Amino acid sequence: MKDFLFVFRNDYSALPVPTPEELQAATQKWMDWVGSIAAQNKLGDRGNRLKAEGKVVRPNDVITDGPYSEIKELIGGYTLVKANSLEEATELAKGCPILAFGGNVEVREINPL
């Protein structure tokens, strides 16, 4: 099997602030989805959420706030999965709860060194 990275993106600033019940329901959907991948023995690492703030390091010692304030869509987290092909990994991504909130999942094969 090959390793793939799921990168979760969304315009988090446009999302309404959820109630505690909505947050709990959304968290349960994520846990169920990740659990279904794990049950297939295809979960490499559940990954983590990422904070919005950061820094971008560029050539010539240029450091800016990041990731990129000029875009609305931010990377919110990642997961590592195992699949036989890009197509199979893409099928796994189709169940991601972020899709219900207008977000997207970038699916990338990890190229071993």
Protein backbone atom coordinates (compact mmCIF):
# COMPACT_ATOMS: atom_id res chain seq x y z
CA MET A 1 0.00 0.00 0.00
CA LYS A 2 1.00 3.58 -0.59
CA ASP A 3 0.76 6.50 1.84
CA PHE A 4 -1.47 9.47 1.11
CA LEU A 5 -1.97 12.83 2.78
CA PHE A 6 -5.42 14.35 3.18
CA VAL A 7 -5.24 18.14 3.57
CA PHE A 8 -8.45 19.72 4.88
CA ARG A 9 -9.29 23.24 3.70
CA ASN A 10 -12.19 25.55 4.39
CA ASP A 11 -13.09 29.21 4.75
CA TYR A 12 -13.29 28.97 8.51
CA SER A 13 -14.06 32.67 8.90
CA ALA A 14 -17.35 32.18 7.02
CA LEU A 15 -18.59 29.36 9.24
CA PRO A 16 -21.14 30.19 11.91
CA VAL A 17 -20.08 29.67 15.52
CA PRO A 18 -21.55 26.29 16.45
CA THR A 19 -23.50 25.58 19.58
CA PRO A 20 -21.92 23.04 21.95
CA GLU A 21 -24.38 20.43 20.66
CA GLU A 22 -23.50 21.18 17.02
CA LEU A 23 -19.81 21.03 17.83
CA GLN A 24 -20.26 17.68 19.56
CA ALA A 25 -22.25 16.31 16.59
CA ALA A 26 -19.61 17.51 14.13
CA THR A 27 -16.83 16.00 16.23
CA GLN A 28 -18.70 12.70 16.31
CA LYS A 29 -18.97 12.72 12.50
CA TRP A 30 -15.20 13.21 12.23
CA MET A 31 -14.55 10.43 14.74
CA ASP A 32 -16.90 8.08 12.87
CA TRP A 33 -15.27 8.86 9.52
CA VAL A 34 -11.72 8.38 10.83
CA GLY A 35 -12.90 5.26 12.66
CA SER A 36 -14.28 3.81 9.44
CA ILE A 37 -10.89 4.30 7.75
CA ALA A 38 -9.14 2.71 10.74
CA ALA A 39 -11.58 -0.24 10.64
CA GLN A 40 -10.39 -0.90 7.07
CA ASN A 41 -6.79 -0.87 8.35
CA LYS A 42 -6.06 2.13 6.11
CA LEU A 43 -5.36 4.81 8.72
CA GLY A 44 -1.72 5.83 8.81
CA ASP A 45 -2.08 8.67 11.32
CA ARG A 46 -5.25 10.47 12.35
CA GLY A 47 -3.35 13.73 12.05
CA ASN A 48 -4.33 16.92 13.82
CA ARG A 49 -6.03 20.24 13.46
CA LEU A 50 -3.81 23.21 12.72
CA LYS A 51 -4.03 26.68 14.24
CA ALA A 52 -4.71 29.50 11.79
CA GLU A 53 -1.68 31.61 12.73
CA GLY A 54 1.82 30.79 11.63
CA LYS A 55 4.86 32.12 9.78
CA VAL A 56 6.11 31.73 6.23
CA VAL A 57 9.87 31.57 5.74
CA ARG A 58 11.07 32.65 2.30
CA PRO A 59 14.51 33.01 0.73
CA ASN A 60 16.77 35.84 1.86
CA ASP A 61 15.56 35.72 5.47
CA VAL A 62 12.10 37.06 4.58
CA ILE A 63 9.62 35.98 7.24
CA THR A 64 5.95 36.93 7.04
CA ASP A 65 2.86 36.14 9.03
CA GLY A 66 1.12 33.20 7.50
CA PRO A 67 -0.06 31.13 6.11
CA TYR A 68 -1.48 33.60 3.58
CA SER A 69 -3.73 36.36 4.80
CA GLU A 70 -4.79 37.29 1.26
CA ILE A 71 -6.75 34.05 0.77
CA LYS A 72 -9.89 33.01 2.57
CA GLU A 73 -9.36 29.28 2.47
CA LEU A 74 -7.07 27.95 5.20
CA ILE A 75 -5.61 24.53 5.86
CA GLY A 76 -7.34 23.30 8.98
CA GLY A 77 -5.70 19.92 9.42
CA TYR A 78 -4.45 16.72 7.90
CA THR A 79 -4.68 12.93 8.05
CA LEU A 80 -2.46 10.18 6.67
CA VAL A 81 -4.07 7.14 5.04
CA LYS A 82 -2.95 4.01 3.26
CA ALA A 83 -4.41 2.98 -0.09
CA ASN A 84 -3.41 1.04 -3.17
CA SER A 85 -3.96 3.96 -5.53
CA LEU A 86 -4.85 7.64 -5.77
CA GLU A 87 -8.34 6.60 -6.84
CA GLU A 88 -8.81 4.45 -3.73
CA ALA A 89 -7.56 7.25 -1.47
CA THR A 90 -9.93 9.68 -3.21
CA GLU A 91 -12.84 7.34 -2.48
CA LEU A 92 -11.91 7.39 1.21
CA ALA A 93 -11.85 11.20 1.16
CA LYS A 94 -15.38 11.38 -0.25
CA GLY A 95 -16.78 10.61 3.19
CA CYS A 96 -15.00 13.49 4.91
CA PRO A 97 -17.34 15.62 7.07
CA ILE A 98 -15.67 18.85 5.92
CA LEU A 99 -17.46 18.49 2.58
CA ALA A 100 -20.79 19.12 4.32
CA PHE A 101 -19.47 22.51 5.46
CA GLY A 102 -18.26 23.74 2.06
CA GLY A 103 -14.68 22.63 2.61
CA ASN A 104 -12.52 20.35 0.51
CA VAL A 105 -9.97 17.57 0.86
CA GLU A 106 -6.76 17.62 -1.14
CA VAL A 107 -5.50 14.06 -1.68
CA ARG A 108 -1.75 13.70 -2.32
CA GLU A 109 0.44 10.63 -2.54
CA ILE A 110 3.50 10.77 -0.31
CA ASN A 111 6.62 10.21 -2.36
CA PRO A 112 9.07 8.22 -0.27
CA LEU A 113 12.68 9.39 -0.44
